[in-house]
């Protein structure tokens, strides 16, 4: 660990856009009792992030689609439109952003000088939990109930969307794990 790593802040430093503030002002339709969450020290997870970034399992195009269209990617598997799942999508976004602001976890590039700032506009919030993972796995759970024959494809896509977030250096493994757990929790509660 370098001196630069030691001097870096351990909490997210940023401001929310007007669009993100609007998400927080919404009352979710789905009321959930979210358990207390935790994550390990950031330094312990940096080697895993670097490994995934080096392996580059996903192509640049896959990364872009996963980054900018996670809900659309999931819905395309079953031939559905985003408009038909607006309440679910808005609730997932609300819970993701609420929890991100509660935990205020710094992004990996804010912790380690071995990880460059990512080239995405979707890193304008704290890291924990991963909203992309919440979205992908929440939709995986809901759509798998409605389209059981597509369960395996939905699971694969959700896992790839989550992986993309670590491959681009935006998230820690524990962010993805929490996002998956919370996505399943929301998906299970959604009717």
Protein backbone atom coordinates (compact mmCIF):
# COMPACT_ATOMS: atom_id res chain seq x y z
CA UNK A 1 0.00 0.00 0.00
CA UNK A 2 1.38 3.41 -0.96
CA UNK A 3 1.21 6.64 1.04
CA UNK A 4 -1.28 7.88 -1.52
CA UNK A 5 -3.58 4.99 -0.63
CA UNK A 6 -3.31 5.82 3.06
CA UNK A 7 -4.15 9.48 2.46
CA UNK A 8 -7.24 8.81 0.34
CA UNK A 9 -10.63 9.34 1.93
CA UNK A 10 -12.65 6.36 3.04
CA UNK A 11 -16.02 7.90 2.23
CA UNK A 12 -17.56 9.03 -1.01
CA UNK A 13 -16.92 12.64 -1.91
CA UNK A 14 -19.42 13.99 -4.36
CA UNK A 15 -22.78 15.59 -4.85
CA UNK A 16 -25.96 14.13 -6.22
CA UNK A 17 -27.48 15.37 -9.46
CA UNK A 18 -31.00 16.81 -9.52
CA UNK A 19 -32.23 13.56 -11.08
CA UNK A 20 -30.75 11.51 -8.24
CA UNK A 21 -32.19 13.85 -5.61
CA UNK A 22 -35.58 13.39 -7.27
CA UNK A 23 -35.26 9.61 -6.88
CA UNK A 24 -34.72 10.03 -3.12
CA UNK A 25 -37.84 12.19 -2.79
CA UNK A 26 -40.05 9.45 -4.18
CA UNK A 27 -42.08 7.24 -1.85
CA UNK A 28 -41.51 3.64 -2.91
CA UNK A 29 -44.60 1.56 -3.62
CA UNK A 30 -42.86 -1.46 -2.14
CA UNK A 31 -42.16 -1.06 1.58
CA UNK A 32 -39.20 -3.10 2.78
CA UNK A 33 -37.41 -3.56 6.06
CA UNK A 34 -33.78 -3.57 4.89
CA UNK A 35 -31.39 -5.34 7.30
CA UNK A 36 -28.23 -3.65 8.49
CA UNK A 37 -25.49 -4.20 5.93
CA UNK A 38 -21.72 -4.26 6.22
CA UNK A 39 -18.66 -4.71 4.05
CA UNK A 40 -14.96 -5.49 4.59
CA UNK A 41 -12.12 -2.98 4.46
CA UNK A 42 -11.69 -1.69 0.93
CA UNK A 43 -8.02 -2.67 0.74
CA UNK A 44 -8.87 -6.34 1.18
CA UNK A 45 -11.01 -6.28 -1.97
CA UNK A 46 -8.70 -4.32 -4.29
CA UNK A 47 -6.74 -7.43 -5.44
CA UNK A 48 -9.96 -9.13 -6.62
CA UNK A 49 -11.00 -6.01 -8.54
CA UNK A 50 -7.59 -5.81 -10.21
CA UNK A 51 -7.78 -9.49 -11.15
CA UNK A 52 -11.20 -9.09 -12.79
CA UNK A 53 -10.07 -5.92 -14.56
CA UNK A 54 -7.04 -7.74 -15.94
CA UNK A 55 -8.96 -10.83 -17.10
CA UNK A 56 -11.46 -8.74 -19.13
CA UNK A 57 -14.13 -11.44 -19.43
CA UNK A 58 -16.58 -8.98 -21.00
CA UNK A 59 -16.02 -7.13 -24.28
CA UNK A 60 -16.08 -3.33 -24.38
CA UNK A 61 -19.50 -3.43 -26.09
CA UNK A 62 -20.91 -5.74 -23.39
CA UNK A 63 -19.52 -3.37 -20.76
CA UNK A 64 -21.20 -0.35 -22.38
CA UNK A 65 -24.59 -2.06 -22.65
CA UNK A 66 -24.41 -3.37 -19.07
CA UNK A 67 -23.38 0.07 -17.84
CA UNK A 68 -26.01 2.13 -19.64
CA UNK A 69 -28.90 -0.32 -20.13
CA UNK A 70 -29.05 -2.88 -17.32
CA UNK A 71 -32.86 -3.00 -17.11
CA UNK A 72 -33.29 -3.06 -20.88
CA UNK A 73 -30.75 -5.90 -21.16
CA UNK A 74 -32.73 -8.01 -18.70
CA UNK A 75 -36.11 -7.20 -20.22
CA UNK A 76 -34.96 -7.94 -23.77
CA UNK A 77 -34.46 -11.60 -22.80
CA UNK A 78 -38.21 -11.97 -22.26
CA UNK A 79 -39.34 -9.47 -24.90
CA UNK A 80 -40.72 -6.94 -22.42
CA UNK A 81 -40.49 -3.15 -22.29
CA UNK A 82 -39.19 -0.98 -19.46
CA UNK A 83 -42.51 0.86 -19.20
CA UNK A 84 -44.24 -2.33 -18.02
CA UNK A 85 -41.93 -2.53 -14.99
CA UNK A 86 -41.64 1.15 -14.07
CA UNK A 87 -42.78 0.75 -10.44
CA UNK A 88 -40.29 -2.04 -9.80
CA UNK A 89 -37.46 -0.14 -11.52
CA UNK A 90 -38.23 3.05 -9.62
CA UNK A 91 -38.37 1.17 -6.30
CA UNK A 92 -35.04 -0.52 -6.97
CA UNK A 93 -33.49 2.84 -7.84
CA UNK A 94 -34.94 4.38 -4.67
CA UNK A 95 -33.61 1.66 -2.37
CA UNK A 96 -30.23 1.56 -4.12
CA UNK A 97 -29.70 5.30 -3.84
CA UNK A 98 -31.03 5.49 -0.28
CA UNK A 99 -28.59 2.80 0.84
CA UNK A 100 -25.69 4.31 -1.10
CA UNK A 101 -26.25 7.61 0.71
CA UNK A 102 -26.55 5.83 4.05
CA UNK A 103 -23.26 3.95 3.70
CA UNK A 104 -21.29 6.58 1.70
CA UNK A 105 -18.67 4.06 0.54
CA UNK A 106 -15.91 5.48 -1.64
CA UNK A 107 -15.45 4.02 -5.11
CA UNK A 108 -12.38 1.81 -5.67
CA UNK A 109 -10.52 4.51 -7.64
CA UNK A 110 -10.98 6.84 -4.67
CA UNK A 111 -9.21 4.31 -2.44
CA UNK A 112 -6.44 2.86 -4.59
CA UNK A 113 -4.08 4.54 -7.04
CA UNK A 114 -3.93 1.19 -8.89
CA UNK A 115 -7.47 1.73 -10.20
CA UNK A 116 -8.07 4.55 -12.62
CA UNK A 117 -11.21 6.65 -12.67
CA UNK A 118 -13.75 4.79 -14.74
CA UNK A 119 -15.09 6.11 -18.02
CA UNK A 120 -18.77 6.07 -17.11
CA UNK A 121 -21.38 8.57 -16.05
CA UNK A 122 -23.00 6.05 -13.72
CA UNK A 123 -20.42 6.39 -10.93
CA UNK A 124 -21.84 9.63 -9.57
CA UNK A 125 -22.98 8.04 -6.31
CA UNK A 126 -21.32 6.06 -3.51
CA UNK A 127 -20.36 2.45 -4.24
CA UNK A 128 -22.28 0.37 -1.68
CA UNK A 129 -24.43 -1.44 -2.64
CA UNK A 130 -24.23 -1.84 -6.41
CA UNK A 131 -27.38 -0.39 -7.96
CA UNK A 132 -26.67 -2.20 -11.24
CA UNK A 133 -26.54 -5.51 -9.35
CA UNK A 134 -29.73 -4.67 -7.49
CA UNK A 135 -31.47 -3.83 -10.77
CA UNK A 136 -30.22 -6.90 -12.64
CA UNK A 137 -30.93 -9.40 -9.87
CA UNK A 138 -34.25 -7.80 -8.89
CA UNK A 139 -35.43 -8.11 -12.48
CA UNK A 140 -33.93 -11.61 -12.69
CA UNK A 141 -36.09 -12.72 -9.76
CA UNK A 142 -39.30 -11.08 -11.00
CA UNK A 143 -38.92 -12.12 -14.63
CA UNK A 144 -37.93 -15.68 -13.69
CA UNK A 145 -41.26 -16.06 -11.89
CA UNK A 146 -43.11 -14.85 -14.99
CA UNK A 147 -40.90 -16.65 -17.54
CA UNK A 148 -39.51 -19.79 -15.85
CA UNK A 149 -38.17 -21.08 -19.17
CA UNK A 150 -35.84 -18.04 -19.31
CA UNK A 151 -34.48 -18.37 -15.76
CA UNK A 152 -30.98 -19.49 -16.76
CA UNK A 153 -30.55 -16.75 -19.38
CA UNK A 154 -31.80 -14.13 -16.91
CA UNK A 155 -29.37 -15.35 -14.23
CA UNK A 156 -26.46 -15.30 -16.69
CA UNK A 157 -27.27 -11.77 -17.83
CA UNK A 158 -27.70 -10.51 -14.25
CA UNK A 159 -24.32 -12.00 -13.30
CA UNK A 160 -22.66 -10.40 -16.36
CA UNK A 161 -24.15 -7.00 -15.54
CA UNK A 162 -22.79 -7.31 -12.00
CA UNK A 163 -19.40 -8.48 -13.24
CA UNK A 164 -19.21 -5.50 -15.60
CA UNK A 165 -19.28 -3.16 -12.62
CA UNK A 166 -16.21 -4.74 -11.10
CA UNK A 167 -14.43 -5.18 -14.45
CA UNK A 168 -14.71 -1.44 -15.05
CA UNK A 169 -13.35 -0.78 -11.55
CA UNK A 170 -16.56 0.80 -10.25
CA UNK A 171 -17.36 -1.67 -7.47
CA UNK A 172 -15.95 -3.99 -4.85
CA UNK A 173 -17.02 -7.66 -4.70
CA UNK A 174 -19.02 -6.92 -1.54
CA UNK A 175 -20.97 -4.19 -3.38
CA UNK A 176 -22.07 -6.78 -5.93
CA UNK A 177 -22.90 -9.36 -3.27
CA UNK A 178 -25.06 -6.89 -1.34
CA UNK A 179 -26.70 -5.71 -4.58
CA UNK A 180 -27.61 -9.26 -5.51
CA UNK A 181 -29.04 -10.01 -2.06
CA UNK A 182 -31.08 -6.80 -2.05
CA UNK A 183 -32.24 -7.31 -5.64
CA UNK A 184 -33.51 -10.76 -4.71
CA UNK A 185 -35.18 -9.34 -1.61
CA UNK A 186 -37.02 -6.74 -3.70
CA UNK A 187 -37.82 -9.26 -6.44
CA UNK A 188 -39.27 -11.70 -3.91
CA UNK A 189 -41.46 -8.99 -2.34
CA UNK A 190 -42.69 -7.63 -5.68
CA UNK A 191 -46.06 -8.79 -7.05
